[in-house]
Amino acid sequence: MPAITVEIPEDLAANFDTPEAIRQALFEDFVIEQRQQGIISLGKAAELLGLSYPDFLALLGRKGLSPINASPEDMDASWRKFISLMDGR
């Protein structure tokens, strides 16, 4: 895995107990951003972070993020399709 160096201002770094805690937070946010952009799946994101699928969903929730990666328009269209399929049973 490629390694990079990031400079963190002292006042921000002071919010973490160890350099490893900073590394973990940065890696989590990087992986989550890749997921939110649709570059990787929920399962892949969980795998990269060493989390179970439910634990990854809980992490997203703690960060105030949704596991659903769709626009409101896409969600509305999916809902309408679901309703029409259910009406045609």
Protein backbone atom coordinates (compact mmCIF):
# COMPACT_ATOMS: atom_id res chain seq x y z
CA MET A 1 0.00 0.00 0.00
CA PRO A 2 1.44 3.43 -0.86
CA ALA A 3 2.49 5.57 2.08
CA ILE A 4 2.11 9.33 2.20
CA THR A 5 3.14 12.00 4.66
CA VAL A 6 0.61 14.59 5.80
CA GLU A 7 1.39 17.60 7.94
CA ILE A 8 -1.22 18.25 10.62
CA PRO A 9 -1.32 21.51 12.55
CA GLU A 10 -0.37 21.02 16.21
CA ASP A 11 -3.69 22.32 17.51
CA LEU A 12 -5.57 19.70 15.46
CA ALA A 13 -3.13 16.89 16.24
CA ALA A 14 -3.63 17.64 19.96
CA ASN A 15 -7.18 16.26 19.60
CA PHE A 16 -5.74 12.74 19.19
CA ASP A 17 -3.97 10.55 21.73
CA THR A 18 -1.43 9.06 19.32
CA PRO A 19 -0.13 9.43 15.77
CA GLU A 20 -1.83 6.07 15.06
CA ALA A 21 -5.19 7.59 16.04
CA ILE A 22 -4.61 10.38 13.51
CA ARG A 23 -3.65 7.85 10.84
CA GLN A 24 -6.77 5.80 11.54
CA ALA A 25 -9.07 8.84 11.38
CA LEU A 26 -7.54 9.99 8.09
CA PHE A 27 -7.76 6.51 6.58
CA GLU A 28 -11.39 6.10 7.71
CA ASP A 29 -12.34 9.42 6.16
CA PHE A 30 -10.49 8.58 2.94
CA VAL A 31 -12.23 5.22 2.61
CA ILE A 32 -15.63 6.72 3.44
CA GLU A 33 -15.13 9.44 0.83
CA GLN A 34 -14.31 6.80 -1.78
CA ARG A 35 -17.54 5.02 -0.82
CA GLN A 36 -19.63 8.18 -0.87
CA GLN A 37 -18.36 8.95 -4.38
CA GLY A 38 -19.38 5.45 -5.52
CA ILE A 39 -15.78 4.41 -6.24
CA ILE A 40 -15.94 1.43 -3.89
CA SER A 41 -18.79 -0.63 -2.44
CA LEU A 42 -19.99 -0.69 1.15
CA GLY A 43 -18.51 -4.16 1.52
CA LYS A 44 -15.13 -3.10 0.14
CA ALA A 45 -15.06 -0.06 2.44
CA ALA A 46 -15.80 -2.27 5.45
CA GLU A 47 -13.09 -4.71 4.37
CA LEU A 48 -10.48 -1.97 3.96
CA LEU A 49 -11.22 -0.70 7.45
CA GLY A 50 -11.23 -4.19 8.96
CA LEU A 51 -14.86 -3.83 10.00
CA SER A 52 -17.88 -6.06 9.65
CA TYR A 53 -20.62 -4.76 7.37
CA PRO A 54 -22.85 -3.78 10.36
CA ASP A 55 -19.91 -2.10 12.09
CA PHE A 56 -19.18 -0.06 8.97
CA LEU A 57 -22.83 1.02 8.77
CA ALA A 58 -22.60 2.04 12.44
CA LEU A 59 -19.45 4.06 11.69
CA LEU A 60 -21.29 5.91 8.92
CA GLY A 61 -24.12 6.62 11.35
CA ARG A 62 -21.74 7.99 13.99
CA LYS A 63 -20.35 10.32 11.34
CA GLY A 64 -23.86 11.43 10.35
CA LEU A 65 -23.63 9.83 6.90
CA SER A 66 -26.08 7.64 5.03
CA PRO A 67 -25.17 4.24 3.59
CA ILE A 68 -27.44 5.04 0.66
CA ASN A 69 -25.45 6.54 -2.15
CA ALA A 70 -28.21 7.92 -4.37
CA SER A 71 -29.65 11.31 -5.17
CA PRO A 72 -33.14 12.24 -3.95
CA GLU A 73 -34.32 11.99 -7.55
CA ASP A 74 -32.94 8.45 -7.88
CA MET A 75 -34.55 7.47 -4.59
CA ASP A 76 -37.90 8.89 -5.73
CA ALA A 77 -37.71 7.02 -9.05
CA SER A 78 -36.86 3.78 -7.24
CA TRP A 79 -39.76 4.27 -4.86
CA ARG A 80 -42.19 4.87 -7.74
CA LYS A 81 -40.93 1.76 -9.54
CA PHE A 82 -41.32 -0.29 -6.35
CA ILE A 83 -44.90 0.94 -5.86
CA SER A 84 -45.81 0.16 -9.47
CA LEU A 85 -44.33 -3.34 -9.16
CA MET A 86 -46.22 -3.95 -5.93
CA ASP A 87 -49.49 -2.74 -7.50
CA GLY A 88 -48.99 -5.21 -10.36
CA ARG A 89 -48.66 -8.26 -8.12
